[in-house]
Amino acid sequence: MAVDTERASGYRYGQRAFLIQLKRDDDTIWLLDSEALKDLEPIQQALAGVEWILHAAIQDLPSLRQAGLWPDQLFDTELAGRLLGYPRVSLSALLERKLNVSLAKEHSAADWSVRPLTEDMRNYAALDVELLHELREAMIQELQSEHKLEIAYEEFNALLTRPLKPPRKDPWRKTSGIHEITDRRALAIVRSLWTTREKLAQSRDLPPGKLLNDRTLIAVAKARPRTVPQLMKIPRMRRRAAAKDARRWLQAIQDGIKIAQDPDKIPPLRMASQAPPAVKAWREKDPLAARRLQTSRKRLARVAEEHSMPLENLLLPETLRELCWRPPEPITPESVERRLLDLGARPWQVQASSAVITVALLDPDPLDT
């Protein structure tokens, strides 16, 4: 079953699917209005045991899960293209390369929440699944000839079985420009504004940035206005959408100021993290770890080139950083293999990279000057 979704990013709150496209072999293409259908369980039951063909599944799987749909088996044409080392892996690029077909993509940023959909939008959506079966067959042939088909299915299965990420502890800390905040009281205002914005956006089914963009939020938190006129003097507040809720923003500012007066509730400027520090700080913090990472990267890049695939598909950058920052003790081929598996590397990745990494950890090259 060829499957795709269309979301309304930039128009609606969240990443839910407003349209789900389905095509089975040579059958009719189905366009499902998932917002209008209360229960998609009959679709899920009908597709039990069926391999789903998606392009860039990592983008569509979360919205499919939200709609109550999840594949038992998967073939991801974008990921297959990466494993084959293609320089361009968009759907249009793959169709052009493998099937000599050009796709028109004029509706990629459209508002898919509107109803009724225009005929052009319906045709655009249908095209995303029209040729996925033929593309899959062509890519399977090349994966087999490159001895990568088993590797590909390991990767596809990993997408389906990887554990869900727990909710981010402090999602408001991802506000763009928050690094400019150097005062904990202003940080409390950022948190209060972000929380108010999130609640408003969810209740109105709008993207948070449509109400108050991140740069404006940071500017308001730094200025700490105490009246609506003071608030409206901030240049970034002059957008109609932001001004509409001026009293709500002012209340959020006052709530943040009040929280900042309680030492037990005021947020710390930085959260403790177990992740390795930024790579640019490694030379100073741990030169040996920096040598391990530099050596491992260079040698794995050659392995990736031999496999005709990007380095990040041979091994995730965060996996390599974690291993070089905190290598197993003692460093042996067996301990490195176990550590890689614990960090989520697939068996084929372990087989391709563990020996190279072990040597790099034990005997890293000097740092480049």
Protein backbone atom coordinates (compact mmCIF):
# COMPACT_ATOMS: atom_id res chain seq x y z
CA MET A 1 0.00 0.00 0.00
CA ALA A 2 1.41 3.36 -1.04
CA VAL A 3 0.70 5.88 1.73
CA ASP A 4 1.23 9.62 2.15
CA THR A 5 -0.14 12.41 4.32
CA GLU A 6 -0.69 16.12 3.92
CA ARG A 7 -0.46 18.37 6.97
CA ALA A 8 -1.23 22.05 7.44
CA SER A 9 2.00 23.29 8.98
CA GLY A 10 1.95 27.05 9.23
CA TYR A 11 -1.85 27.12 9.21
CA ARG A 12 -3.01 24.85 12.05
CA TYR A 13 -1.80 23.78 15.48
CA GLY A 14 0.32 20.62 15.61
CA GLN A 15 1.32 18.16 12.91
CA ARG A 16 -1.85 16.11 12.42
CA ALA A 17 -2.76 14.76 8.98
CA PHE A 18 -5.58 16.59 7.21
CA LEU A 19 -5.42 14.21 4.25
CA ILE A 20 -4.23 10.61 3.95
CA GLN A 21 -3.59 9.18 0.48
CA LEU A 22 -3.72 5.43 -0.16
CA LYS A 23 -3.08 3.35 -3.28
CA ARG A 24 -2.90 -0.43 -3.45
CA ASP A 25 -1.20 -1.86 -6.53
CA ASP A 26 -3.26 -0.81 -9.56
CA ASP A 27 -6.40 0.04 -7.57
CA THR A 28 -8.09 3.41 -7.20
CA ILE A 29 -6.31 6.14 -5.24
CA TRP A 30 -8.18 6.97 -2.04
CA LEU A 31 -8.01 10.41 -0.44
CA LEU A 32 -9.17 10.22 3.19
CA ASP A 33 -10.38 13.32 5.01
CA SER A 34 -9.00 12.13 8.33
CA GLU A 35 -10.44 15.10 10.26
CA ALA A 36 -13.97 14.18 9.15
CA LEU A 37 -13.60 10.48 9.97
CA LYS A 38 -13.96 9.70 13.65
CA ASP A 39 -12.33 6.27 13.52
CA LEU A 40 -9.80 4.85 11.05
CA GLU A 41 -9.65 1.45 12.73
CA PRO A 42 -11.32 -0.27 9.72
CA ILE A 43 -8.45 1.01 7.55
CA GLN A 44 -5.89 -0.22 10.09
CA GLN A 45 -7.53 -3.67 10.15
CA ALA A 46 -7.70 -3.85 6.36
CA LEU A 47 -3.96 -3.15 6.11
CA ALA A 48 -2.84 -5.68 8.73
CA GLY A 49 0.30 -7.44 7.53
CA VAL A 50 0.61 -5.22 4.44
CA GLU A 51 3.87 -3.44 3.62
CA TRP A 52 3.37 0.33 3.45
CA ILE A 53 5.41 2.33 0.95
CA LEU A 54 6.16 5.85 2.17
CA HIS A 55 8.57 8.55 1.14
CA ALA A 56 10.42 10.11 4.09
CA ALA A 57 8.48 7.99 6.57
CA ILE A 58 10.02 9.79 9.55
CA GLN A 59 7.89 12.82 8.58
CA ASP A 60 4.62 10.94 8.07
CA LEU A 61 4.70 8.27 10.78
CA PRO A 62 3.95 10.64 13.71
CA SER A 63 0.83 12.06 12.02
CA LEU A 64 -0.27 8.57 10.97
CA ARG A 65 0.11 7.38 14.55
CA GLN A 66 -1.95 10.36 15.72
CA ALA A 67 -4.66 9.32 13.24
CA GLY A 68 -4.64 5.75 14.61
CA LEU A 69 -2.71 4.16 11.75
CA TRP A 70 0.59 2.29 11.92
CA PRO A 71 2.26 -0.11 9.46
CA ASP A 72 3.33 -3.65 10.28
CA GLN A 73 5.99 -3.45 7.56
CA LEU A 74 7.59 -0.49 5.81
CA PHE A 75 9.50 0.48 2.68
CA ASP A 76 10.84 4.04 2.73
CA THR A 77 11.87 5.28 -0.71
CA GLU A 78 13.75 8.32 0.64
CA LEU A 79 15.80 6.25 3.08
CA ALA A 80 16.49 3.72 0.34
CA GLY A 81 17.84 6.54 -1.80
CA ARG A 82 20.15 7.65 1.01
CA LEU A 83 21.46 4.11 1.47
CA LEU A 84 22.16 3.98 -2.27
CA GLY A 85 24.16 7.20 -1.99
CA TYR A 86 21.95 9.38 -4.18
CA PRO A 87 22.84 13.08 -3.90
CA ARG A 88 19.15 14.09 -4.15
CA VAL A 89 16.45 12.02 -2.46
CA SER A 90 13.25 14.07 -2.77
CA LEU A 91 10.34 12.17 -4.30
CA SER A 92 10.52 14.21 -7.49
CA ALA A 93 14.28 13.60 -7.77
CA LEU A 94 13.89 9.83 -7.28
CA LEU A 95 11.03 9.57 -9.78
CA GLU A 96 13.08 11.48 -12.31
CA ARG A 97 16.13 9.32 -11.71
CA LYS A 98 14.46 5.91 -11.59
CA LEU A 99 11.30 6.30 -13.73
CA ASN A 100 12.13 9.36 -15.86
CA VAL A 101 9.01 11.12 -14.58
CA SER A 102 8.82 14.79 -13.53
CA LEU A 103 6.46 15.84 -10.73
CA ALA A 104 4.87 19.26 -10.38
CA LYS A 105 5.13 20.33 -6.71
CA GLU A 106 3.28 23.64 -6.71
CA HIS A 107 1.10 22.83 -3.67
CA SER A 108 3.77 21.65 -1.22
CA ALA A 109 3.14 24.60 1.14
CA ALA A 110 -0.64 24.69 0.71
CA ASP A 111 -3.19 24.84 3.51
CA TRP A 112 -4.47 21.26 3.49
CA SER A 113 -7.06 22.04 6.16
CA VAL A 114 -9.26 23.98 3.73
CA ARG A 115 -12.44 22.34 2.43
CA PRO A 116 -13.33 21.63 -0.23
CA LEU A 117 -9.92 20.89 -1.73
CA THR A 118 -9.48 22.20 -5.24
CA GLU A 119 -9.12 19.74 -8.10
CA ASP A 120 -5.48 20.77 -8.51
CA MET A 121 -4.80 20.01 -4.83
CA ARG A 122 -6.49 16.61 -5.09
CA ASN A 123 -4.43 15.78 -8.18
CA TYR A 124 -1.26 16.91 -6.44
CA ALA A 125 -2.03 14.71 -3.43
CA ALA A 126 -2.81 11.71 -5.64
CA LEU A 127 0.50 12.07 -7.49
CA ASP A 128 2.40 11.49 -4.24
CA VAL A 129 1.23 7.85 -4.18
CA GLU A 130 0.56 7.21 -7.88
CA LEU A 131 4.04 5.89 -8.69
CA LEU A 132 5.36 4.66 -5.33
CA HIS A 133 4.84 0.97 -6.25
CA GLU A 134 6.90 1.31 -9.44
CA LEU A 135 9.54 3.33 -7.58
CA ARG A 136 9.77 0.67 -4.86
CA GLU A 137 10.31 -2.10 -7.44
CA ALA A 138 13.05 -0.14 -9.20
CA MET A 139 14.80 0.63 -5.92
CA ILE A 140 14.56 -2.96 -4.68
CA GLN A 141 16.38 -4.11 -7.82
CA GLU A 142 19.21 -1.63 -7.21
CA LEU A 143 19.37 -2.43 -3.49
CA GLN A 144 19.71 -6.11 -4.36
CA SER A 145 22.44 -5.45 -6.91
CA GLU A 146 24.32 -3.35 -4.33
CA HIS A 147 23.80 -6.03 -1.63
CA LYS A 148 21.94 -3.50 0.50
CA LEU A 149 18.38 -4.84 0.57
CA GLU A 150 18.81 -6.55 3.93
CA ILE A 151 20.43 -3.40 5.32
CA ALA A 152 17.52 -1.33 4.03
CA TYR A 153 14.94 -3.48 5.77
CA GLU A 154 16.92 -3.29 9.01
CA GLU A 155 16.66 0.50 8.73
CA PHE A 156 12.96 0.43 7.85
CA ASN A 157 12.20 -1.84 10.78
CA ALA A 158 14.18 0.43 13.11
CA LEU A 159 11.85 3.30 12.20
CA LEU A 160 8.85 1.20 13.24
CA THR A 161 10.27 -0.23 16.45
CA ARG A 162 12.24 2.66 17.94
CA PRO A 163 10.75 3.78 21.27
CA LEU A 164 8.73 6.97 21.43
CA LYS A 165 10.66 9.96 22.67
CA PRO A 166 9.40 11.13 26.06
CA PRO A 167 7.89 14.64 26.05
CA ARG A 168 10.52 17.35 26.29
CA LYS A 169 10.85 18.42 29.93
CA ASP A 170 10.99 22.16 29.21
CA PRO A 171 9.82 22.67 25.61
CA TRP A 172 9.76 26.43 26.10
CA ARG A 173 13.57 26.39 26.23
CA LYS A 174 13.54 25.75 22.46
CA THR A 175 12.27 29.30 21.88
CA SER A 176 14.42 30.84 19.16
CA GLY A 177 16.69 33.54 20.59
CA ILE A 178 16.46 32.34 24.19
CA HIS A 179 20.27 32.42 24.38
CA GLU A 180 19.93 36.22 24.58
CA ILE A 181 18.23 35.88 27.98
CA THR A 182 20.87 36.15 30.70
CA ASP A 183 18.61 36.89 33.65
CA ARG A 184 16.50 34.28 35.46
CA ARG A 185 13.64 36.75 36.01
CA ALA A 186 13.40 37.38 32.28
CA LEU A 187 13.56 33.62 31.75
CA ALA A 188 10.51 33.20 33.99
CA ILE A 189 8.68 35.67 31.74
CA VAL A 190 9.72 33.70 28.64
CA ARG A 191 8.24 30.56 30.18
CA SER A 192 5.01 32.34 31.13
CA LEU A 193 4.60 33.92 27.68
CA TRP A 194 5.38 30.62 25.94
CA THR A 195 2.83 28.73 28.07
CA THR A 196 0.13 31.34 27.43
CA ARG A 197 0.87 31.31 23.71
CA GLU A 198 0.72 27.51 23.58
CA LYS A 199 -2.67 27.37 25.30
CA LEU A 200 -4.07 30.09 23.05
CA ALA A 201 -2.72 28.44 19.90
CA GLN A 202 -4.16 25.06 20.83
CA SER A 203 -7.59 26.52 21.66
CA ARG A 204 -7.69 28.42 18.35
CA ASP A 205 -6.06 25.65 16.28
CA LEU A 206 -3.35 27.99 15.05
CA PRO A 207 0.46 27.73 14.91
CA PRO A 208 1.90 29.48 17.99
CA GLY A 209 4.07 31.70 15.81
CA LYS A 210 0.96 33.14 14.17
CA LEU A 211 -0.02 34.66 17.53
CA LEU A 212 3.38 35.81 18.75
CA ASN A 213 6.59 34.82 17.02
CA ASP A 214 9.66 33.78 18.98
CA ARG A 215 11.64 36.95 18.32
CA THR A 216 8.78 39.10 19.61
CA LEU A 217 8.38 36.88 22.67
CA ILE A 218 12.07 37.31 23.54
CA ALA A 219 11.91 41.07 22.95
CA VAL A 220 8.91 41.38 25.26
CA ALA A 221 10.56 39.28 27.98
CA LYS A 222 13.67 41.47 27.86
CA ALA A 223 11.67 44.73 27.95
CA ARG A 224 9.34 43.63 30.81
CA PRO A 225 6.60 46.20 30.05
CA ARG A 226 4.09 46.83 32.86
CA THR A 227 1.30 48.46 30.88
CA VAL A 228 -0.37 47.83 27.53
CA PRO A 229 0.98 51.13 26.06
CA GLN A 230 4.51 50.13 27.11
CA LEU A 231 3.97 46.71 25.58
CA MET A 232 2.78 48.18 22.29
CA LYS A 233 5.86 50.40 22.04
CA ILE A 234 8.00 47.31 21.46
CA PRO A 235 8.53 47.40 17.65
CA ARG A 236 7.85 43.70 17.16
CA MET A 237 4.47 43.99 18.91
CA ARG A 238 2.98 46.10 16.15
CA ARG A 239 1.70 43.09 14.19
CA ARG A 240 -2.08 42.89 14.31
CA ALA A 241 -2.11 39.28 15.55
CA ALA A 242 0.16 40.08 18.49
CA ALA A 243 -1.65 43.28 19.38
CA LYS A 244 -5.02 41.52 19.43
CA ASP A 245 -4.08 39.66 22.61
CA ALA A 246 -2.09 42.47 24.24
CA ARG A 247 -3.86 42.11 27.60
CA ARG A 248 -3.21 38.36 27.67
CA TRP A 249 0.49 38.92 26.99
CA LEU A 250 0.62 41.56 29.71
CA GLN A 251 -0.99 39.15 32.18
CA ALA A 252 1.57 36.49 31.22
CA ILE A 253 4.39 38.99 31.86
CA GLN A 254 2.96 39.82 35.28
CA ASP A 255 2.61 36.10 36.07
CA GLY A 256 6.24 35.58 35.11
CA ILE A 257 7.39 38.49 37.30
CA LYS A 258 5.43 37.07 40.23
CA ILE A 259 6.92 33.58 39.79
CA ALA A 260 10.41 35.11 39.60
CA GLN A 261 9.98 36.34 43.17
CA ASP A 262 9.85 32.75 44.46
CA PRO A 263 13.37 31.24 44.53
CA ASP A 264 11.86 27.73 44.43
CA LYS A 265 9.91 28.40 41.22
CA ILE A 266 12.21 30.63 39.19
CA PRO A 267 13.79 28.55 36.38
CA PRO A 268 17.57 28.07 36.21
CA LEU A 269 19.35 29.68 33.30
CA ARG A 270 20.74 26.33 32.15
CA MET A 271 19.42 22.80 32.60
CA ALA A 272 21.81 20.05 33.58
CA SER A 273 22.35 17.66 30.68
CA GLN A 274 23.86 14.21 30.41
CA ALA A 275 24.61 14.72 26.72
CA PRO A 276 28.18 15.45 25.59
CA PRO A 277 29.02 19.16 25.31
CA ALA A 278 29.16 20.98 21.98
CA VAL A 279 31.94 19.52 19.84
CA LYS A 280 33.70 22.89 19.55
CA ALA A 281 34.35 22.74 23.32
CA TRP A 282 35.93 19.28 23.27
CA ARG A 283 39.50 20.46 22.59
CA GLU A 284 39.48 22.40 25.85
CA LYS A 285 37.32 20.13 28.00
CA ASP A 286 38.73 16.75 26.93
CA PRO A 287 41.44 16.78 24.24
CA LEU A 288 41.61 12.97 24.18
CA ALA A 289 37.88 12.73 23.42
CA ALA A 290 38.37 15.34 20.67
CA ARG A 291 41.13 13.20 19.17
CA ARG A 292 38.92 10.11 19.31
CA LEU A 293 36.08 11.90 17.53
CA GLN A 294 38.28 13.46 14.86
CA THR A 295 39.97 10.13 14.12
CA SER A 296 36.73 8.15 14.12
CA ARG A 297 35.00 10.62 11.81
CA LYS A 298 37.79 10.59 9.25
CA ARG A 299 38.06 6.81 9.16
CA LEU A 300 34.30 6.21 9.14
CA ALA A 301 33.97 8.71 6.29
CA ARG A 302 36.15 6.39 4.21
CA VAL A 303 34.00 3.41 5.19
CA ALA A 304 30.86 5.33 4.24
CA GLU A 305 32.43 6.20 0.89
CA GLU A 306 33.18 2.52 0.30
CA HIS A 307 29.52 1.76 1.03
CA SER A 308 28.40 4.64 -1.23
CA MET A 309 26.26 6.26 1.43
CA PRO A 310 26.35 9.38 3.65
CA LEU A 311 28.29 9.10 6.89
CA GLU A 312 25.16 9.85 8.97
CA ASN A 313 23.47 6.77 7.52
CA LEU A 314 26.46 4.61 8.36
CA LEU A 315 26.25 5.82 11.96
CA LEU A 316 24.27 8.62 13.57
CA PRO A 317 26.49 11.58 14.57
CA GLU A 318 25.05 11.63 18.11
CA THR A 319 25.89 7.94 18.53
CA LEU A 320 29.51 8.53 17.55
CA ARG A 321 29.79 11.59 19.80
CA GLU A 322 28.44 9.69 22.81
CA LEU A 323 30.82 6.79 22.18
CA CYS A 324 33.88 9.05 21.82
CA TRP A 325 32.98 11.17 24.86
CA ARG A 326 32.22 8.19 27.10
CA PRO A 327 33.89 5.10 25.64
CA PRO A 328 33.38 1.73 27.33
CA GLU A 329 35.93 0.52 29.86
CA PRO A 330 37.94 -1.38 28.93
CA ILE A 331 37.92 -0.55 25.23
CA THR A 332 37.71 -3.85 23.38
CA PRO A 333 36.02 -4.93 20.13
CA GLU A 334 33.33 -6.66 22.20
CA SER A 335 32.67 -3.70 24.52
CA VAL A 336 32.46 -1.27 21.57
CA GLU A 337 29.99 -3.54 19.79
CA ARG A 338 27.82 -3.78 22.91
CA ARG A 339 27.94 -0.02 23.42
CA LEU A 340 26.93 0.63 19.81
CA LEU A 341 23.96 -1.72 20.13
CA ASP A 342 22.95 -0.11 23.43
CA LEU A 343 23.00 3.29 21.70
CA GLY A 344 20.61 2.02 19.02
CA ALA A 345 22.97 1.13 16.16
CA ARG A 346 21.66 -1.61 13.88
CA PRO A 347 23.59 -4.88 13.48
CA TRP A 348 24.78 -3.95 9.99
CA GLN A 349 26.08 -0.61 11.28
CA VAL A 350 27.93 -2.34 14.11
CA GLN A 351 29.49 -4.77 11.68
CA ALA A 352 30.59 -1.97 9.35
CA SER A 353 31.91 0.47 11.94
CA SER A 354 32.87 -1.20 15.23
CA ALA A 355 36.38 -2.32 14.26
CA VAL A 356 37.28 1.10 12.86
CA ILE A 357 35.94 2.85 15.95
CA THR A 358 37.72 0.48 18.33
CA VAL A 359 41.11 1.24 16.78
CA ALA A 360 40.35 4.99 16.75
CA LEU A 361 39.41 4.93 20.44
CA LEU A 362 42.53 3.01 21.42
CA ASP A 363 45.01 4.96 19.27
CA PRO A 364 43.60 8.31 18.10
CA ASP A 365 45.56 10.58 15.80
CA PRO A 366 46.83 13.98 17.02
CA LEU A 367 44.39 16.85 16.62
CA ASP A 368 44.59 18.87 13.43
CA THR A 369 46.08 22.29 13.93
